[in-house]
């Protein structure tokens, strides 16, 4: 059983399995609150009529809301005592989720690396989310820095325990899941306000999305509660007073959601997220920061005559307008808080 104080780095072993507690039935209320917290405007998630035109029985739950809720299931067992979530890989959205579906999650420990400071270590995990029919709807890898309890362990012993998994640099386009019912051309300019479809984007294009969003303390607190993400670094202000930051960090997944919501202006005709290939939170974000976004077109793939996949690099920026930021040096730029490579589906419209 889970310790009342949560697991520390010392408690994990490669191959360890967790079936996470508290399945979650997702409701239309969750979807509405998510829009209220992020400003997300992607048409299939906003209007059942649009979703039905694409072949869905009703509006699917936003891909990132599914991710956050599934992620939240894993937090008590994996990242309750986290310093920070560091990155993502091999994230695949495998089936649509609808209001009324119940999501549960499980995790395998796939890697461990103790840090040289003797105070923390990095835990690599592969998690899976299933619906009430036991169908896998989402799978992902992430790595998280976690506090140690035994801070006196010898450095040579720490180094000898490192097991770092080999991860794919990107999800293979051939393995992307496309619902059999999907009718891409059901998404029209009337629905989205844009006539820019797959063929209108070119590799190398850079889009500086115009809008910004200031992250409020109340919004962040409500978001972590919605996702049931109880990590102390986000949840517990008293605990974080003693940290090097002196205050709570904004959950990185919320920054992903805000950046993606801001990217709607310029990427209006995205149908859904198919995969997240890689991602890192390059700098912390705090309440009061204003988030902006820019997108680069990395790759284009024709999946069938009416559907394409765009691989995008989404840069989340705090307290600076996108045009002023050199995205080629993301890791060294203190204004960049997110560097995310992901793949989306978009209609191919014949002229």
Protein backbone atom coordinates (compact mmCIF):
# COMPACT_ATOMS: atom_id res chain seq x y z
CA UNK A 1 0.00 0.00 0.00
CA UNK A 2 1.09 3.56 -0.68
CA UNK A 3 2.85 5.23 2.29
CA UNK A 4 0.94 8.17 3.74
CA UNK A 5 3.88 10.45 2.92
CA UNK A 6 4.12 9.13 -0.66
CA UNK A 7 6.94 7.29 -2.37
CA UNK A 8 10.47 8.68 -2.58
CA UNK A 9 13.16 7.88 -5.14
CA UNK A 10 14.58 5.20 -2.85
CA UNK A 11 11.28 3.25 -2.98
CA UNK A 12 11.30 2.56 -6.72
CA UNK A 13 12.74 -0.37 -8.67
CA UNK A 14 12.85 -1.01 -12.42
CA UNK A 15 10.00 -3.31 -13.39
CA UNK A 16 7.77 -2.20 -10.51
CA UNK A 17 4.07 -1.97 -11.46
CA UNK A 18 1.36 0.30 -10.08
CA UNK A 19 -2.39 0.10 -10.62
CA UNK A 20 -3.45 3.60 -9.63
CA UNK A 21 -6.41 4.27 -7.38
CA UNK A 22 -9.63 6.13 -8.05
CA UNK A 23 -10.93 5.65 -11.60
CA UNK A 24 -12.49 8.81 -13.03
CA UNK A 25 -15.72 9.12 -14.99
CA UNK A 26 -15.25 12.15 -17.25
CA UNK A 27 -18.28 14.41 -17.63
CA UNK A 28 -19.44 17.24 -19.85
CA UNK A 29 -18.91 19.47 -16.80
CA UNK A 30 -15.21 18.56 -16.79
CA UNK A 31 -15.00 19.53 -20.47
CA UNK A 32 -16.71 22.88 -19.85
CA UNK A 33 -14.46 23.67 -16.89
CA UNK A 34 -11.39 22.82 -18.97
CA UNK A 35 -12.44 25.43 -21.54
CA UNK A 36 -12.91 27.90 -18.70
CA UNK A 37 -9.38 27.25 -17.43
CA UNK A 38 -7.56 27.25 -20.77
CA UNK A 39 -9.67 29.12 -23.31
CA UNK A 40 -9.38 26.13 -25.67
CA UNK A 41 -11.33 26.71 -28.92
CA UNK A 42 -10.72 23.62 -31.05
CA UNK A 43 -14.07 23.15 -32.81
CA UNK A 44 -14.55 19.35 -32.46
CA UNK A 45 -14.35 19.69 -28.67
CA UNK A 46 -16.63 22.73 -28.54
CA UNK A 47 -19.59 21.67 -30.71
CA UNK A 48 -21.31 18.31 -31.05
CA UNK A 49 -22.50 19.29 -34.53
CA UNK A 50 -18.90 19.69 -35.67
CA UNK A 51 -17.87 16.43 -34.02
CA UNK A 52 -20.76 14.60 -35.65
CA UNK A 53 -19.81 16.02 -39.05
CA UNK A 54 -16.41 14.38 -38.49
CA UNK A 55 -18.08 11.05 -37.68
CA UNK A 56 -18.05 11.16 -33.86
CA UNK A 57 -21.25 10.29 -31.97
CA UNK A 58 -20.70 13.41 -29.83
CA UNK A 59 -17.92 15.84 -28.99
CA UNK A 60 -14.82 13.95 -27.90
CA UNK A 61 -13.14 15.08 -24.71
CA UNK A 62 -10.17 17.35 -25.48
CA UNK A 63 -7.07 15.21 -25.96
CA UNK A 64 -5.08 17.18 -23.40
CA UNK A 65 -7.84 17.01 -20.79
CA UNK A 66 -7.77 13.21 -21.15
CA UNK A 67 -3.99 13.34 -20.76
CA UNK A 68 -4.13 15.53 -17.64
CA UNK A 69 -6.79 13.40 -15.94
CA UNK A 70 -4.92 10.18 -16.72
CA UNK A 71 -1.67 11.84 -15.62
CA UNK A 72 -3.35 12.93 -12.38
CA UNK A 73 -4.19 9.30 -11.59
CA UNK A 74 -0.46 8.51 -11.55
CA UNK A 75 0.67 11.40 -9.33
CA UNK A 76 0.04 9.93 -5.84
CA UNK A 77 2.16 6.86 -6.67
CA UNK A 78 4.78 8.45 -8.94
CA UNK A 79 5.30 12.16 -8.43
CA UNK A 80 3.78 13.14 -5.08
CA UNK A 81 7.28 13.97 -3.83
CA UNK A 82 8.50 15.39 -7.11
CA UNK A 83 10.85 18.30 -7.53
CA UNK A 84 9.68 18.75 -11.13
CA UNK A 85 8.31 16.82 -14.07
CA UNK A 86 11.08 16.93 -16.66
CA UNK A 87 9.85 15.56 -19.97
CA UNK A 88 7.62 13.34 -22.11
CA UNK A 89 8.06 10.87 -24.96
CA UNK A 90 6.10 8.27 -26.92
CA UNK A 91 2.71 9.78 -26.05
CA UNK A 92 -0.01 8.21 -28.20
CA UNK A 93 -3.71 9.03 -28.23
CA UNK A 94 -5.18 5.67 -29.20
CA UNK A 95 -8.97 6.09 -29.00
CA UNK A 96 -11.44 8.94 -28.53
CA UNK A 97 -12.84 9.52 -25.05
CA UNK A 98 -16.38 10.82 -24.55
CA UNK A 99 -18.34 12.22 -21.63
CA UNK A 100 -19.47 9.23 -19.57
CA UNK A 101 -16.31 7.20 -20.16
CA UNK A 102 -14.42 6.04 -17.08
CA UNK A 103 -10.63 6.26 -17.15
CA UNK A 104 -8.18 4.25 -15.04
CA UNK A 105 -4.39 4.19 -15.22
CA UNK A 106 -1.41 1.95 -14.53
CA UNK A 107 2.35 2.56 -14.59
CA UNK A 108 5.58 0.59 -14.95
CA UNK A 109 8.92 1.91 -13.69
CA UNK A 110 11.27 1.66 -16.69
CA UNK A 111 14.34 3.57 -15.51
CA UNK A 112 16.11 5.13 -12.54
CA UNK A 113 18.99 7.58 -12.32
CA UNK A 114 20.20 8.97 -9.02
CA UNK A 115 21.57 12.48 -9.14
CA UNK A 116 25.09 13.31 -8.03
CA UNK A 117 23.83 15.69 -5.33
CA UNK A 118 22.55 12.71 -3.34
CA UNK A 119 19.27 14.50 -2.67
CA UNK A 120 17.20 13.60 -5.72
CA UNK A 121 16.88 11.10 -8.55
CA UNK A 122 15.09 10.79 -11.88
CA UNK A 123 12.40 8.14 -12.31
CA UNK A 124 11.36 7.06 -15.82
CA UNK A 125 7.86 5.59 -16.17
CA UNK A 126 5.55 4.24 -18.85
CA UNK A 127 1.87 4.79 -18.08
CA UNK A 128 -1.30 3.52 -19.73
CA UNK A 129 -4.88 4.74 -19.48
CA UNK A 130 -7.87 2.51 -20.21
CA UNK A 131 -11.60 3.10 -20.50
CA UNK A 132 -14.40 1.12 -18.87
CA UNK A 133 -14.19 -1.47 -21.66
CA UNK A 134 -10.50 -2.07 -20.84
CA UNK A 135 -9.51 -0.49 -24.16
CA UNK A 136 -6.28 1.51 -24.09
CA UNK A 137 -7.04 5.14 -24.92
CA UNK A 138 -3.66 6.70 -24.10
CA UNK A 139 -0.09 5.67 -23.35
CA UNK A 140 2.94 7.79 -22.47
CA UNK A 141 6.43 7.92 -21.05
CA UNK A 142 7.60 10.63 -18.72
CA UNK A 143 10.53 11.26 -16.40
CA UNK A 144 10.35 13.12 -13.14
CA UNK A 145 12.88 14.30 -10.56
CA UNK A 146 11.94 13.03 -7.08
CA UNK A 147 13.32 13.66 -3.61
CA UNK A 148 15.33 10.93 -1.87
CA UNK A 149 14.91 9.94 1.74
CA UNK A 150 18.39 8.45 2.13
CA UNK A 151 20.60 11.44 1.37
CA UNK A 152 23.77 9.86 2.74
CA UNK A 153 24.21 7.11 0.16
CA UNK A 154 27.73 7.01 -1.35
CA UNK A 155 28.21 8.65 -4.73
CA UNK A 156 29.69 5.49 -6.25
CA UNK A 157 26.58 3.51 -5.26
CA UNK A 158 24.33 6.16 -6.73
CA UNK A 159 26.12 6.02 -10.08
CA UNK A 160 26.01 2.22 -10.21
CA UNK A 161 22.22 2.08 -9.98
CA UNK A 162 21.51 4.15 -13.11
CA UNK A 163 19.17 2.51 -15.65
CA UNK A 164 18.15 4.88 -18.43
CA UNK A 165 15.61 3.52 -20.94
CA UNK A 166 16.05 3.83 -24.69
CA UNK A 167 13.21 5.97 -26.02
CA UNK A 168 12.06 6.75 -29.53
CA UNK A 169 12.80 10.26 -30.76
CA UNK A 170 9.32 10.37 -32.32
CA UNK A 171 6.19 8.27 -32.62
CA UNK A 172 6.25 6.47 -35.97
CA UNK A 173 3.69 8.07 -38.28
CA UNK A 174 2.68 4.59 -39.50
CA UNK A 175 1.60 3.74 -35.95
CA UNK A 176 -0.72 6.73 -35.52
CA UNK A 177 -4.28 5.73 -34.69
CA UNK A 178 -6.98 7.08 -37.02
CA UNK A 179 -10.59 6.26 -36.09
CA UNK A 180 -12.21 4.20 -38.85
CA UNK A 181 -15.25 6.49 -38.86
CA UNK A 182 -13.30 9.73 -39.27
CA UNK A 183 -14.52 12.05 -42.07
CA UNK A 184 -11.88 14.81 -42.14
CA UNK A 185 -13.61 17.00 -44.71
CA UNK A 186 -16.53 17.33 -42.29
CA UNK A 187 -14.45 20.10 -40.71
CA UNK A 188 -15.18 23.23 -42.72
CA UNK A 189 -14.15 26.88 -42.78
CA UNK A 190 -17.60 27.74 -41.42
CA UNK A 191 -16.76 25.76 -38.28
CA UNK A 192 -13.28 27.16 -37.70
CA UNK A 193 -13.09 30.56 -39.38
CA UNK A 194 -10.00 29.58 -41.38
CA UNK A 195 -9.46 28.31 -44.92
CA UNK A 196 -5.91 27.15 -44.18
CA UNK A 197 -5.70 23.35 -44.39
CA UNK A 198 -2.91 20.77 -44.66
CA UNK A 199 -1.70 21.82 -48.12
CA UNK A 200 -1.36 25.45 -47.03
CA UNK A 201 1.44 24.74 -44.55
CA UNK A 202 5.09 24.21 -45.50
CA UNK A 203 7.93 22.68 -43.53
CA UNK A 204 9.88 25.51 -41.94
CA UNK A 205 6.89 27.83 -41.50
CA UNK A 206 6.95 29.75 -38.21
CA UNK A 207 3.71 31.04 -36.70
CA UNK A 208 3.88 33.68 -33.96
CA UNK A 209 0.50 33.29 -32.31
CA UNK A 210 -0.80 36.74 -31.35
CA UNK A 211 -2.64 36.23 -28.05
CA UNK A 212 -1.23 35.89 -24.55
CA UNK A 213 -2.76 34.54 -21.35
CA UNK A 214 -1.76 35.47 -17.80
CA UNK A 215 -1.75 32.51 -15.42
CA UNK A 216 -3.66 33.30 -12.23
CA UNK A 217 -3.12 31.53 -8.91
CA UNK A 218 -6.81 30.65 -8.75
CA UNK A 219 -6.83 29.19 -12.27
CA UNK A 220 -3.80 27.04 -11.55
CA UNK A 221 -5.19 25.81 -8.24
CA UNK A 222 -8.52 24.88 -9.82
CA UNK A 223 -6.79 23.16 -12.74
CA UNK A 224 -4.69 20.91 -10.49
CA UNK A 225 -7.84 20.03 -8.57
CA UNK A 226 -9.70 19.24 -11.80
CA UNK A 227 -6.88 16.91 -12.83
CA UNK A 228 -6.55 15.57 -9.24
CA UNK A 229 -2.84 16.31 -9.51
CA UNK A 230 -1.89 16.34 -5.83
CA UNK A 231 1.89 16.79 -6.26
CA UNK A 232 3.09 19.00 -3.40
CA UNK A 233 5.07 21.20 -5.79
CA UNK A 234 1.73 22.38 -7.27
CA UNK A 235 -0.71 21.80 -4.39
CA UNK A 236 0.96 22.80 -1.15
CA UNK A 237 2.03 26.44 -0.76
CA UNK A 238 3.33 25.91 2.80
CA UNK A 239 5.53 23.03 1.66
CA UNK A 240 6.90 25.09 -1.23
CA UNK A 241 7.85 28.03 1.03
CA UNK A 242 10.88 25.94 2.03
CA UNK A 243 11.88 25.17 -1.56
CA UNK A 244 14.40 27.09 -3.66
CA UNK A 245 11.47 28.68 -5.51
CA UNK A 246 9.67 29.80 -2.35
CA UNK A 247 6.26 29.23 -3.95
CA UNK A 248 4.23 26.76 -5.96
CA UNK A 249 5.13 25.93 -9.54
CA UNK A 250 2.45 25.97 -12.21
CA UNK A 251 1.79 22.40 -13.40
CA UNK A 252 3.66 22.00 -16.69
CA UNK A 253 0.72 20.25 -18.31
CA UNK A 254 -1.37 23.35 -17.76
CA UNK A 255 1.25 25.35 -19.68
CA UNK A 256 0.96 22.80 -22.51
CA UNK A 257 -2.81 23.33 -22.56
CA UNK A 258 -2.57 27.11 -22.50
CA UNK A 259 0.08 27.17 -25.26
CA UNK A 260 -2.00 24.84 -27.40
CA UNK A 261 -5.13 26.93 -26.81
CA UNK A 262 -3.22 30.04 -27.88
CA UNK A 263 -2.02 28.22 -31.00
CA UNK A 264 -5.59 28.03 -32.29
CA UNK A 265 -4.98 31.36 -34.06
CA UNK A 266 -3.03 30.04 -37.04
CA UNK A 267 -3.79 26.33 -36.56
CA UNK A 268 -7.58 26.46 -36.58
CA UNK A 269 -8.26 23.35 -38.66
CA UNK A 270 -6.50 20.78 -36.48
CA UNK A 271 -8.83 17.83 -35.91
CA UNK A 272 -7.01 16.20 -33.00
CA UNK A 273 -3.66 15.44 -31.42
CA UNK A 274 -2.36 12.05 -32.53
CA UNK A 275 0.92 11.93 -30.59
CA UNK A 276 3.38 13.86 -28.46
CA UNK A 277 6.85 12.92 -29.67
CA UNK A 278 8.97 14.74 -27.11
CA UNK A 279 8.58 17.54 -24.64
CA UNK A 280 10.40 19.35 -21.90
CA UNK A 281 9.62 22.07 -19.38
CA UNK A 282 12.71 24.19 -19.85
CA UNK A 283 12.00 26.75 -17.12
CA UNK A 284 9.48 27.05 -14.26
CA UNK A 285 6.32 29.10 -14.52
CA UNK A 286 4.60 30.91 -11.65
CA UNK A 287 1.31 32.67 -11.06
CA UNK A 288 1.40 36.09 -12.66
CA UNK A 289 3.43 34.98 -15.68
CA UNK A 290 1.90 35.69 -19.10
CA UNK A 291 2.14 32.85 -21.59
CA UNK A 292 2.53 33.21 -25.37
CA UNK A 293 3.14 30.59 -28.04
CA UNK A 294 4.82 30.04 -31.39
CA UNK A 295 4.67 27.04 -33.71
CA UNK A 296 7.10 25.66 -36.26
CA UNK A 297 6.07 23.17 -38.96
CA UNK A 298 8.60 20.34 -38.65
CA UNK A 299 7.25 17.61 -40.93
CA UNK A 300 4.28 16.84 -43.20
CA UNK A 301 2.88 13.38 -43.95
CA UNK A 302 -0.02 12.46 -46.24
CA UNK A 303 -1.92 9.67 -44.49
CA UNK A 304 -4.67 9.30 -47.08
CA UNK A 305 -6.28 11.43 -49.75
CA UNK A 306 -8.35 13.46 -47.28
CA UNK A 307 -6.10 13.45 -44.21
CA UNK A 308 -2.60 14.60 -43.35
CA UNK A 309 -0.37 14.68 -40.27
CA UNK A 310 1.62 17.75 -39.29
CA UNK A 311 4.51 17.40 -36.86
CA UNK A 312 4.76 20.66 -34.96
CA UNK A 313 7.15 22.25 -32.51
CA UNK A 314 5.19 24.29 -29.98
CA UNK A 315 7.19 26.79 -27.93
CA UNK A 316 5.63 28.17 -24.76
CA UNK A 317 6.98 31.59 -23.81
CA UNK A 318 6.55 33.60 -20.63
CA UNK A 319 6.57 37.37 -20.33
CA UNK A 320 7.82 38.08 -23.88
CA UNK A 321 6.08 38.29 -27.27
CA UNK A 322 6.84 35.37 -29.63
CA UNK A 323 8.48 37.43 -32.38
CA UNK A 324 11.16 38.56 -29.92
CA UNK A 325 12.21 35.03 -28.97
CA UNK A 326 14.88 32.99 -30.76
CA UNK A 327 13.41 29.49 -30.56
CA UNK A 328 16.62 27.87 -31.82
CA UNK A 329 18.19 28.27 -28.36
CA UNK A 330 15.25 27.14 -26.25
CA UNK A 331 17.22 25.51 -23.46
CA UNK A 332 19.23 28.63 -22.67
CA UNK A 333 16.43 31.18 -22.96
CA UNK A 334 14.82 31.94 -19.56
CA UNK A 335 11.62 33.12 -21.24
CA UNK A 336 10.95 29.72 -22.81
CA UNK A 337 8.99 27.44 -20.48
CA UNK A 338 7.92 24.71 -22.91
CA UNK A 339 9.45 22.96 -25.92
CA UNK A 340 6.97 20.41 -27.27
CA UNK A 341 7.13 18.31 -30.43
CA UNK A 342 3.75 16.83 -31.31
CA UNK A 343 1.76 15.48 -34.24
CA UNK A 344 -1.74 16.57 -35.22
CA UNK A 345 -4.28 15.45 -37.80
CA UNK A 346 -5.62 17.94 -40.35
CA UNK A 347 -7.92 17.66 -43.38
CA UNK A 348 -6.52 17.69 -46.91
CA UNK A 349 -8.95 19.76 -48.95
CA UNK A 350 -8.89 19.45 -52.74
CA UNK A 351 -9.01 22.73 -54.60
